[in-house]
PDB file of N, CA and C in Angstrom:
ATOM      1  N   UNK A   1     -28.851 -15.923  65.130  1.00  0.00           N
ATOM      2  CA  UNK A   1     -29.587 -15.853  64.344  1.00  0.00           C
ATOM      3  C   UNK A   1     -29.164 -15.868  62.980  1.00  0.00           C
ATOM      4  N   UNK A   2     -29.713 -16.570  61.936  1.00  0.00           N
ATOM      5  CA  UNK A   2     -29.097 -16.923  60.607  1.00  0.00           C
ATOM      6  C   UNK A   2     -29.837 -15.443  59.852  1.00  0.00           C
ATOM      7  N   UNK A   3     -28.965 -14.891  59.197  1.00  0.00           N
ATOM      8  CA  UNK A   3     -29.024 -13.712  58.382  1.00  0.00           C
ATOM      9  C   UNK A   3     -29.065 -13.743  56.864  1.00  0.00           C
ATOM     10  N   UNK A   4     -29.769 -13.500  56.091  1.00  0.00           N
ATOM     11  CA  UNK A   4     -29.725 -13.683  54.641  1.00  0.00           C
ATOM     12  C   UNK A   4     -29.516 -12.237  54.245  1.00  0.00           C
ATOM     13  N   UNK A   5     -29.602 -11.261  54.722  1.00  0.00           N
ATOM     14  CA  UNK A   5     -29.027  -9.736  54.458  1.00  0.00           C
ATOM     15  C   UNK A   5     -28.422  -9.227  55.759  1.00  0.00           C
ATOM     16  N   UNK A   6     -27.295  -8.490  55.395  1.00  0.00           N
ATOM     17  CA  UNK A   6     -26.606  -7.917  56.721  1.00  0.00           C
ATOM     18  C   UNK A   6     -27.158  -6.568  57.007  1.00  0.00           C
ATOM     19  N   UNK A   7     -26.712  -5.750  58.061  1.00  0.00           N
ATOM     20  CA  UNK A   7     -27.244  -4.266  58.264  1.00  0.00           C
ATOM     21  C   UNK A   7     -27.090  -3.360  57.271  1.00  0.00           C
ATOM     22  N   UNK A   8     -25.958  -3.413  56.605  1.00  0.00           N
ATOM     23  CA  UNK A   8     -25.534  -2.686  55.436  1.00  0.00           C
ATOM     24  C   UNK A   8     -26.555  -2.650  54.466  1.00  0.00           C
ATOM     25  N   UNK A   9     -26.979  -3.711  54.096  1.00  0.00           N
ATOM     26  CA  UNK A   9     -27.664  -4.245  52.963  1.00  0.00           C
ATOM     27  C   UNK A   9     -29.127  -3.627  53.329  1.00  0.00           C
ATOM     28  N   UNK A  10     -29.542  -3.902  54.062  1.00  0.00           N
ATOM     29  CA  UNK A  10     -31.086  -3.623  54.764  1.00  0.00           C
ATOM     30  C   UNK A  10     -31.081  -1.982  54.832  1.00  0.00           C
ATOM     31  N   UNK A  11     -29.826  -1.406  55.272  1.00  0.00           N
ATOM     32  CA  UNK A  11     -30.100   0.069  55.152  1.00  0.00           C
ATOM     33  C   UNK A  11     -29.819   0.570  53.941  1.00  0.00           C
ATOM     34  N   UNK A  12     -29.021  -0.025  53.029  1.00  0.00           N
ATOM     35  CA  UNK A  12     -29.164   0.593  51.655  1.00  0.00           C
ATOM     36  C   UNK A  12     -30.520   0.570  51.253  1.00  0.00           C
ATOM     37  N   UNK A  13     -31.325  -0.581  51.171  1.00  0.00           N
ATOM     38  CA  UNK A  13     -32.508  -0.490  50.721  1.00  0.00           C
ATOM     39  C   UNK A  13     -33.983   0.355  51.396  1.00  0.00           C
ATOM     40  N   UNK A  14     -33.477   0.570  52.711  1.00  0.00           N
ATOM     41  CA  UNK A  14     -34.274   1.965  53.643  1.00  0.00           C
ATOM     42  C   UNK A  14     -33.984   3.096  52.779  1.00  0.00           C
ATOM     43  N   UNK A  15     -32.865   3.358  52.473  1.00  0.00           N
ATOM     44  CA  UNK A  15     -32.308   4.591  52.205  1.00  0.00           C
ATOM     45  C   UNK A  15     -32.736   4.862  50.775  1.00  0.00           C
ATOM     46  N   UNK A  16     -32.527   4.044  50.101  1.00  0.00           N
ATOM     47  CA  UNK A  16     -33.329   4.065  48.463  1.00  0.00           C
ATOM     48  C   UNK A  16     -34.747   4.344  48.607  1.00  0.00           C
ATOM     49  N   UNK A  17     -35.475   3.498  49.575  1.00  0.00           N
ATOM     50  CA  UNK A  17     -36.788   3.828  49.656  1.00  0.00           C
ATOM     51  C   UNK A  17     -37.203   4.856  50.274  1.00  0.00           C
ATOM     52  N   UNK A  18     -36.301   5.670  51.257  1.00  0.00           N
ATOM     53  CA  UNK A  18     -36.914   6.905  51.908  1.00  0.00           C
ATOM     54  C   UNK A  18     -36.662   7.982  50.685  1.00  0.00           C
ATOM     55  N   UNK A  19     -35.643   7.904  49.936  1.00  0.00           N
ATOM     56  CA  UNK A  19     -35.166   8.950  48.979  1.00  0.00           C
ATOM     57  C   UNK A  19     -36.524   8.851  47.910  1.00  0.00           C
ATOM     58  N   UNK A  20     -36.985   7.895  47.432  1.00  0.00           N
ATOM     59  CA  UNK A  20     -37.929   7.763  46.092  1.00  0.00           C
ATOM     60  C   UNK A  20     -39.303   7.659  46.721  1.00  0.00           C
ATOM     61  N   UNK A  21     -39.606   7.721  48.115  1.00  0.00           N
ATOM     62  CA  UNK A  21     -40.794   7.802  48.909  1.00  0.00           C
ATOM     63  C   UNK A  21     -41.715   6.384  48.470  1.00  0.00           C
ATOM     64  N   UNK A  22     -41.002   5.439  48.583  1.00  0.00           N
ATOM     65  CA  UNK A  22     -41.421   4.141  48.509  1.00  0.00           C
ATOM     66  C   UNK A  22     -41.511   2.892  49.593  1.00  0.00           C
ATOM     67  N   UNK A  23     -42.177   3.276  50.584  1.00  0.00           N
ATOM     68  CA  UNK A  23     -41.986   2.930  51.911  1.00  0.00           C
ATOM     69  C   UNK A  23     -42.139   1.548  52.407  1.00  0.00           C
ATOM     70  N   UNK A  24     -42.949   0.971  51.215  1.00  0.00           N
ATOM     71  CA  UNK A  24     -43.007  -0.639  51.891  1.00  0.00           C
ATOM     72  C   UNK A  24     -41.704  -1.523  51.774  1.00  0.00           C
ATOM     73  N   UNK A  25     -40.886  -1.651  51.077  1.00  0.00           N
ATOM     74  CA  UNK A  25     -39.374  -2.054  51.288  1.00  0.00           C
ATOM     75  C   UNK A  25     -39.038  -1.811  52.470  1.00  0.00           C
ATOM     76  N   UNK A  26     -38.878  -0.207  52.778  1.00  0.00           N
ATOM     77  CA  UNK A  26     -38.523   0.111  54.008  1.00  0.00           C
ATOM     78  C   UNK A  26     -39.217  -0.376  55.441  1.00  0.00           C
ATOM     79  N   UNK A  27     -40.549  -0.527  55.135  1.00  0.00           N
ATOM     80  CA  UNK A  27     -41.105  -1.384  56.436  1.00  0.00           C
ATOM     81  C   UNK A  27     -40.724  -2.460  56.671  1.00  0.00           C
ATOM     82  N   UNK A  28     -40.506  -3.299  55.544  1.00  0.00           N
ATOM     83  CA  UNK A  28     -40.180  -4.583  55.796  1.00  0.00           C
ATOM     84  C   UNK A  28     -38.549  -4.672  56.426  1.00  0.00           C
ATOM     85  N   UNK A  29     -37.843  -4.000  55.985  1.00  0.00           N
ATOM     86  CA  UNK A  29     -36.574  -3.639  56.376  1.00  0.00           C
ATOM     87  C   UNK A  29     -36.516  -3.306  58.180  1.00  0.00           C
ATOM     88  N   UNK A  30     -37.295  -2.333  58.669  1.00  0.00           N
ATOM     89  CA  UNK A  30     -37.342  -1.967  59.655  1.00  0.00           C
ATOM     90  C   UNK A  30     -37.973  -3.024  60.209  1.00  0.00           C
ATOM     91  N   UNK A  31     -38.939  -3.770  60.143  1.00  0.00           N
ATOM     92  CA  UNK A  31     -39.303  -4.988  60.899  1.00  0.00           C
ATOM     93  C   UNK A  31     -38.299  -6.078  60.890  1.00  0.00           C
ATOM     94  N   UNK A  32     -37.323  -6.150  60.110  1.00  0.00           N
ATOM     95  CA  UNK A  32     -36.222  -7.173  60.271  1.00  0.00           C
ATOM     96  C   UNK A  32     -35.250  -6.745  61.348  1.00  0.00           C
ATOM     97  N   UNK A  33     -35.100  -5.097  61.145  1.00  0.00           N
ATOM     98  CA  UNK A  33     -34.047  -4.726  62.435  1.00  0.00           C
ATOM     99  C   UNK A  33     -34.578  -4.998  63.780  1.00  0.00           C
ATOM    100  N   UNK A  34     -36.146  -4.637  63.549  1.00  0.00           N
ATOM    101  CA  UNK A  34     -36.857  -4.578  65.207  1.00  0.00           C
ATOM    102  C   UNK A  34     -36.641  -6.146  65.729  1.00  0.00           C
ATOM    103  N   UNK A  35     -37.062  -7.335  64.638  1.00  0.00           N
ATOM    104  CA  UNK A  35     -36.740  -8.323  65.034  1.00  0.00           C
ATOM    105  C   UNK A  35     -35.437  -8.689  65.418  1.00  0.00           C
ATOM    106  N   UNK A  36     -34.578  -8.368  64.944  1.00  0.00           N
ATOM    107  CA  UNK A  36     -33.186  -8.916  65.435  1.00  0.00           C
ATOM    108  C   UNK A  36     -32.719  -8.568  66.683  1.00  0.00           C
ATOM    109  N   UNK A  37     -33.353  -6.762  67.005  1.00  0.00           N
ATOM    110  CA  UNK A  37     -33.236  -6.612  68.565  1.00  0.00           C
ATOM    111  C   UNK A  37     -33.929  -7.445  69.453  1.00  0.00           C
ATOM    112  N   UNK A  38     -35.102  -7.767  69.003  1.00  0.00           N
ATOM    113  CA  UNK A  38     -36.002  -8.454  69.908  1.00  0.00           C
ATOM    114  C   UNK A  38     -35.219  -9.951  70.227  1.00  0.00           C
ATOM    115  N   UNK A  39     -34.508 -10.564  69.393  1.00  0.00           N
ATOM    116  CA  UNK A  39     -34.059 -11.592  69.395  1.00  0.00           C
ATOM    117  C   UNK A  39     -32.811 -11.453  70.329  1.00  0.00           C
ATOM    118  N   UNK A  40     -32.128 -10.422  69.916  1.00  0.00           N
ATOM    119  CA  UNK A  40     -30.796  -9.993  70.548  1.00  0.00           C
ATOM    120  C   UNK A  40     -30.792  -9.947  72.609  1.00  0.00           C
ATOM    121  N   UNK A  41     -32.204  -9.237  72.665  1.00  0.00           N
ATOM    122  CA  UNK A  41     -32.614  -8.838  73.628  1.00  0.00           C
ATOM    123  C   UNK A  41     -32.849 -10.044  74.455  1.00  0.00           C
ATOM    124  N   UNK A  42     -33.745 -11.052  73.921  1.00  0.00           N
ATOM    125  CA  UNK A  42     -33.891 -12.236  74.366  1.00  0.00           C
ATOM    126  C   UNK A  42     -32.844 -13.245  74.733  1.00  0.00           C
ATOM    127  N   UNK A  43     -31.885 -13.254  74.333  1.00  0.00           N
ATOM    128  CA  UNK A  43     -30.775 -13.883  74.250  1.00  0.00           C
ATOM    129  C   UNK A  43     -30.113 -13.227  75.376  1.00  0.00           C
ATOM    130  N   UNK A  44     -30.059 -12.012  75.493  1.00  0.00           N
ATOM    131  CA  UNK A  44     -29.391 -11.210  76.916  1.00  0.00           C
ATOM    132  C   UNK A  44     -30.118 -11.852  78.068  1.00  0.00           C
ATOM    133  N   UNK A  45     -31.390 -11.878  77.883  1.00  0.00           N
ATOM    134  CA  UNK A  45     -32.339 -12.171  79.085  1.00  0.00           C
ATOM    135  C   UNK A  45     -31.777 -13.774  79.333  1.00  0.00           C
ATOM    136  N   UNK A  46     -31.755 -14.382  78.478  1.00  0.00           N
ATOM    137  CA  UNK A  46     -31.216 -15.999  78.876  1.00  0.00           C
ATOM    138  C   UNK A  46     -29.915 -16.190  79.787  1.00  0.00           C
ATOM    139  N   UNK A  47     -29.225 -15.123  79.525  1.00  0.00           N
ATOM    140  CA  UNK A  47     -28.052 -15.171  80.293  1.00  0.00           C
ATOM    141  C   UNK A  47     -28.291 -14.859  81.555  1.00  0.00           C
ATOM    142  N   UNK A  48     -29.165 -14.559  82.223  1.00  0.00           N
ATOM    143  CA  UNK A  48     -29.405 -13.908  83.457  1.00  0.00           C
ATOM    144  C   UNK A  48     -30.144 -15.122  84.176  1.00  0.00           C
ATOM    145  N   UNK A  49     -29.686 -15.862  84.922  1.00  0.00           N
ATOM    146  CA  UNK A  49     -30.221 -16.781  85.440  1.00  0.00           C
ATOM    147  C   UNK A  49     -31.466 -16.572  86.615  1.00  0.00           C
ATOM    148  N   UNK A  50     -31.698 -15.362  86.790  1.00  0.00           N
ATOM    149  CA  UNK A  50     -32.713 -15.098  87.579  1.00  0.00           C
ATOM    150  C   UNK A  50     -34.296 -15.199  86.728  1.00  0.00           C
ATOM    151  N   UNK A  51     -34.036 -14.976  85.569  1.00  0.00           N
ATOM    152  CA  UNK A  51     -35.167 -14.795  84.573  1.00  0.00           C
ATOM    153  C   UNK A  51     -35.936 -16.514  84.240  1.00  0.00           C
ATOM    154  N   UNK A  52     -36.673 -16.498  83.731  1.00  0.00           N
ATOM    155  CA  UNK A  52     -37.494 -17.624  83.190  1.00  0.00           C
ATOM    156  C   UNK A  52     -37.049 -17.966  81.758  1.00  0.00           C
ATOM    157  N   UNK A  53     -36.118 -19.515  81.557  1.00  0.00           N
ATOM    158  CA  UNK A  53     -35.712 -19.593  80.359  1.00  0.00           C
ATOM    159  C   UNK A  53     -36.860 -20.093  79.754  1.00  0.00           C
ATOM    160  N   UNK A  54     -38.011 -20.489  79.762  1.00  0.00           N
ATOM    161  CA  UNK A  54     -38.819 -20.896  78.896  1.00  0.00           C
ATOM    162  C   UNK A  54     -39.509 -19.778  78.209  1.00  0.00           C
ATOM    163  N   UNK A  55     -39.815 -18.774  79.144  1.00  0.00           N
ATOM    164  CA  UNK A  55     -40.282 -17.512  78.673  1.00  0.00           C
ATOM    165  C   UNK A  55     -39.301 -16.578  77.350  1.00  0.00           C
ATOM    166  N   UNK A  56     -38.315 -16.746  77.726  1.00  0.00           N
ATOM    167  CA  UNK A  56     -37.284 -15.757  77.091  1.00  0.00           C
ATOM    168  C   UNK A  56     -37.293 -16.922  75.737  1.00  0.00           C
ATOM    169  N   UNK A  57     -36.999 -18.428  75.913  1.00  0.00           N
ATOM    170  CA  UNK A  57     -36.550 -18.996  74.832  1.00  0.00           C
ATOM    171  C   UNK A  57     -37.679 -18.896  73.686  1.00  0.00           C
ATOM    172  N   UNK A  58     -39.106 -19.105  74.162  1.00  0.00           N
ATOM    173  CA  UNK A  58     -40.196 -19.035  73.375  1.00  0.00           C
ATOM    174  C   UNK A  58     -40.163 -17.450  72.730  1.00  0.00           C
ATOM    175  N   UNK A  59     -39.889 -16.569  73.331  1.00  0.00           N
ATOM    176  CA  UNK A  59     -39.894 -15.292  72.470  1.00  0.00           C
ATOM    177  C   UNK A  59     -38.705 -15.279  71.538  1.00  0.00           C
ATOM    178  N   UNK A  60     -37.518 -15.965  71.772  1.00  0.00           N
ATOM    179  CA  UNK A  60     -36.410 -15.879  70.955  1.00  0.00           C
ATOM    180  C   UNK A  60     -36.620 -16.796  69.786  1.00  0.00           C
ATOM    181  N   UNK A  61     -37.289 -17.669  69.868  1.00  0.00           N
ATOM    182  CA  UNK A  61     -37.495 -18.600  68.750  1.00  0.00           C
ATOM    183  C   UNK A  61     -38.542 -17.893  67.764  1.00  0.00           C
ATOM    184  N   UNK A  62     -39.725 -17.453  68.335  1.00  0.00           N
ATOM    185  CA  UNK A  62     -40.852 -16.738  67.697  1.00  0.00           C
ATOM    186  C   UNK A  62     -40.148 -15.700  66.728  1.00  0.00           C
ATOM    187  N   UNK A  63     -39.245 -14.967  67.367  1.00  0.00           N
ATOM    188  CA  UNK A  63     -38.478 -13.584  66.790  1.00  0.00           C
ATOM    189  C   UNK A  63     -37.501 -14.444  65.782  1.00  0.00           C
ATOM    190  N   UNK A  64     -37.123 -15.499  65.973  1.00  0.00           N
ATOM    191  CA  UNK A  64     -36.157 -16.229  64.921  1.00  0.00           C
ATOM    192  C   UNK A  64     -36.823 -16.409  63.858  1.00  0.00           C
ATOM    193  N   UNK A  65     -38.040 -17.103  63.792  1.00  0.00           N
ATOM    194  CA  UNK A  65     -39.262 -17.479  62.875  1.00  0.00           C
ATOM    195  C   UNK A  65     -39.749 -16.400  62.327  1.00  0.00           C
ATOM    196  N   UNK A  66     -39.973 -15.564  62.799  1.00  0.00           N
ATOM    197  CA  UNK A  66     -40.345 -14.327  62.151  1.00  0.00           C
ATOM    198  C   UNK A  66     -39.651 -13.655  61.165  1.00  0.00           C
ATOM    199  N   UNK A  67     -38.355 -13.447  61.756  1.00  0.00           N
ATOM    200  CA  UNK A  67     -37.059 -12.798  61.252  1.00  0.00           C
ATOM    201  C   UNK A  67     -36.969 -13.737  59.794  1.00  0.00           C
ATOM    202  N   UNK A  68     -37.233 -14.990  59.749  1.00  0.00           N
ATOM    203  CA  UNK A  68     -36.857 -15.745  58.483  1.00  0.00           C
ATOM    204  C   UNK A  68     -38.179 -15.160  57.333  1.00  0.00           C
ATOM    205  N   UNK A  69     -38.975 -15.301  58.088  1.00  0.00           N
ATOM    206  CA  UNK A  69     -40.032 -15.057  56.968  1.00  0.00           C
ATOM    207  C   UNK A  69     -40.081 -13.639  56.447  1.00  0.00           C
ATOM    208  N   UNK A  70     -39.708 -12.652  57.456  1.00  0.00           N
ATOM    209  CA  UNK A  70     -39.386 -11.131  56.891  1.00  0.00           C
ATOM    210  C   UNK A  70     -38.508 -11.013  55.853  1.00  0.00           C
ATOM    211  N   UNK A  71     -37.582 -11.882  55.959  1.00  0.00           N
ATOM    212  CA  UNK A  71     -36.409 -11.889  55.242  1.00  0.00           C
ATOM    213  C   UNK A  71     -36.852 -12.538  53.906  1.00  0.00           C
ATOM    214  N   UNK A  72     -37.642 -13.478  53.745  1.00  0.00           N
ATOM    215  CA  UNK A  72     -38.054 -13.988  52.626  1.00  0.00           C
ATOM    216  C   UNK A  72     -39.102 -13.075  52.017  1.00  0.00           C
ATOM    217  N   UNK A  73     -39.652 -12.370  52.874  1.00  0.00           N
ATOM    218  CA  UNK A  73     -40.772 -11.518  52.237  1.00  0.00           C
ATOM    219  C   UNK A  73     -40.020 -10.410  51.700  1.00  0.00           C
ATOM    220  N   UNK A  74     -38.994  -9.537  52.193  1.00  0.00           N
ATOM    221  CA  UNK A  74     -37.804  -8.706  51.445  1.00  0.00           C
ATOM    222  C   UNK A  74     -37.348  -9.416  50.351  1.00  0.00           C
ATOM    223  N   UNK A  75     -36.907 -10.671  50.233  1.00  0.00           N
ATOM    224  CA  UNK A  75     -36.537 -11.299  49.081  1.00  0.00           C
ATOM    225  C   UNK A  75     -37.735 -11.291  47.718  1.00  0.00           C
ATOM    226  N   UNK A  76     -38.928 -11.654  48.363  1.00  0.00           N
ATOM    227  CA  UNK A  76     -39.629 -11.505  47.254  1.00  0.00           C
ATOM    228  C   UNK A  76     -40.380 -10.044  46.783  1.00  0.00           C
ATOM    229  N   UNK A  77     -40.243  -9.172  47.456  1.00  0.00           N
ATOM    230  CA  UNK A  77     -40.377  -7.630  47.227  1.00  0.00           C
ATOM    231  C   UNK A  77     -39.593  -7.262  46.483  1.00  0.00           C
ATOM    232  N   UNK A  78     -38.383  -7.491  46.601  1.00  0.00           N
ATOM    233  CA  UNK A  78     -37.410  -6.809  45.797  1.00  0.00           C
ATOM    234  C   UNK A  78     -37.440  -7.727  44.591  1.00  0.00           C
ATOM    235  N   UNK A  79     -37.757  -8.951  44.497  1.00  0.00           N
ATOM    236  CA  UNK A  79     -38.006  -9.541  43.171  1.00  0.00           C
ATOM    237  C   UNK A  79     -39.065  -9.244  42.236  1.00  0.00           C
ATOM    238  N   UNK A  80     -40.035  -8.933  42.994  1.00  0.00           N
ATOM    239  CA  UNK A  80     -41.274  -8.258  42.340  1.00  0.00           C
ATOM    240  C   UNK A  80     -41.133  -7.151  41.521  1.00  0.00           C
ATOM    241  N   UNK A  81     -40.542  -6.218  42.453  1.00  0.00           N
ATOM    242  CA  UNK A  81     -40.183  -4.761  42.058  1.00  0.00           C
ATOM    243  C   UNK A  81     -39.008  -4.894  41.122  1.00  0.00           C
ATOM    244  N   UNK A  82     -38.266  -5.897  40.851  1.00  0.00           N
ATOM    245  CA  UNK A  82     -37.390  -5.688  39.878  1.00  0.00           C
ATOM    246  C   UNK A  82     -35.816  -5.025  40.660  1.00  0.00           C
ATOM    247  N   UNK A  83     -35.868  -5.267  41.778  1.00  0.00           N
ATOM    248  CA  UNK A  83     -34.566  -4.327  42.148  1.00  0.00           C
ATOM    249  C   UNK A  83     -33.288  -5.419  41.581  1.00  0.00           C
ATOM    250  N   UNK A  84     -32.029  -4.792  41.532  1.00  0.00           N
ATOM    251  CA  UNK A  84     -31.073  -5.507  41.418  1.00  0.00           C
ATOM    252  C   UNK A  84     -30.491  -6.537  42.617  1.00  0.00           C
ATOM    253  N   UNK A  85     -30.765  -7.488  42.700  1.00  0.00           N
ATOM    254  CA  UNK A  85     -30.348  -8.221  44.099  1.00  0.00           C
ATOM    255  C   UNK A  85     -28.868  -8.310  44.497  1.00  0.00           C
ATOM    256  N   UNK A  86     -28.089  -8.302  43.445  1.00  0.00           N
ATOM    257  CA  UNK A  86     -26.673  -8.177  43.708  1.00  0.00           C
ATOM    258  C   UNK A  86     -26.320  -6.915  44.292  1.00  0.00           C
ATOM    259  N   UNK A  87     -26.893  -5.498  43.531  1.00  0.00           N
ATOM    260  CA  UNK A  87     -26.333  -4.285  43.972  1.00  0.00           C
ATOM    261  C   UNK A  87     -27.302  -3.486  45.301  1.00  0.00           C
ATOM    262  N   UNK A  88     -28.537  -4.163  45.191  1.00  0.00           N
ATOM    263  CA  UNK A  88     -30.123  -3.602  45.917  1.00  0.00           C
ATOM    264  C   UNK A  88     -29.899  -2.292  45.421  1.00  0.00           C
ATOM    265  N   UNK A  89     -29.825  -2.273  44.340  1.00  0.00           N
ATOM    266  CA  UNK A  89     -30.180  -0.790  43.906  1.00  0.00           C
ATOM    267  C   UNK A  89     -31.843  -0.714  43.161  1.00  0.00           C
ATOM    268  N   UNK A  90     -32.508   0.307  43.652  1.00  0.00           N
ATOM    269  CA  UNK A  90     -33.666  -0.069  43.028  1.00  0.00           C
ATOM    270  C   UNK A  90     -33.963   0.454  41.612  1.00  0.00           C
ATOM    271  N   UNK A  91     -34.808  -0.169  40.739  1.00  0.00           N
ATOM    272  CA  UNK A  91     -34.980  -0.178  39.512  1.00  0.00           C
ATOM    273  C   UNK A  91     -35.123   1.372  38.985  1.00  0.00           C
ATOM    274  N   UNK A  92     -34.633   1.619  37.877  1.00  0.00           N
ATOM    275  CA  UNK A  92     -35.055   2.753  37.574  1.00  0.00           C
ATOM    276  C   UNK A  92     -36.478   3.403  37.181  1.00  0.00           C
ATOM    277  N   UNK A  93     -37.138   2.209  36.377  1.00  0.00           N
ATOM    278  CA  UNK A  93     -38.564   2.220  36.087  1.00  0.00           C
ATOM    279  C   UNK A  93     -39.617   2.638  37.338  1.00  0.00           C
ATOM    280  N   UNK A  94     -39.049   2.111  38.411  1.00  0.00           N
ATOM    281  CA  UNK A  94     -40.008   2.210  39.758  1.00  0.00           C
ATOM    282  C   UNK A  94     -39.423   3.625  40.472  1.00  0.00           C
ATOM    283  N   UNK A  95     -38.193   3.901  40.099  1.00  0.00           N
ATOM    284  CA  UNK A  95     -37.565   5.491  40.739  1.00  0.00           C
ATOM    285  C   UNK A  95     -38.540   6.496  39.803  1.00  0.00           C
ATOM    286  N   UNK A  96     -38.761   6.176  38.362  1.00  0.00           N
ATOM    287  CA  UNK A  96     -39.110   7.202  37.592  1.00  0.00           C
ATOM    288  C   UNK A  96     -40.634   7.415  37.485  1.00  0.00           C
ATOM    289  N   UNK A  97     -41.303   6.119  38.327  1.00  0.00           N
ATOM    290  CA  UNK A  97     -42.503   6.251  38.556  1.00  0.00           C
ATOM    291  C   UNK A  97     -43.163   6.585  39.877  1.00  0.00           C
ATOM    292  N   UNK A  98     -42.200   6.747  40.756  1.00  0.00           N
ATOM    293  CA  UNK A  98     -42.271   7.335  42.206  1.00  0.00           C
ATOM    294  C   UNK A  98     -42.062   8.986  41.766  1.00  0.00           C
ATOM    295  N   UNK A  99     -41.107   9.213  41.095  1.00  0.00           N
ATOM    296  CA  UNK A  99     -40.988  10.787  40.659  1.00  0.00           C
ATOM    297  C   UNK A  99     -42.268  11.359  40.009  1.00  0.00           C
ATOM    298  N   UNK A 100     -42.623  10.786  39.104  1.00  0.00           N
ATOM    299  CA  UNK A 100     -43.994  11.131  38.451  1.00  0.00           C
ATOM    300  C   UNK A 100     -45.010  11.510  39.247  1.00  0.00           C
ATOM    301  N   UNK A 101     -45.031  10.571  40.325  1.00  0.00           N
ATOM    302  CA  UNK A 101     -46.294  10.893  41.365  1.00  0.00           C
ATOM    303  C   UNK A 101     -46.046  12.160  42.161  1.00  0.00           C
ATOM    304  N   UNK A 102     -44.745  12.266  42.368  1.00  0.00           N
ATOM    305  CA  UNK A 102     -44.549  13.433  43.221  1.00  0.00           C
ATOM    306  C   UNK A 102     -44.790  14.903  42.496  1.00  0.00           C
TER     307      UNK A 102
END
């Protein structure tokens, strides 16, 4: 499955989101991880000759398509919130805004 973000990048976004109590980017990241797990599971099922190939192929394809959508969503969210795309650092104004709310 094609991946725009590797696991360490997604984990970095989740970690910052949790530290600064900004759950939305973390939720998108968690969905990406779950879709990767679902896809991996379906691919393993396809290797078992006793399983219905059509069923697992359909699920794997849907997971792939959903994954691409969620990665595009994460890109858009990071852009809208002003994250540094290269370092995946949460912008200071957002960190400050969240700290003030606490």
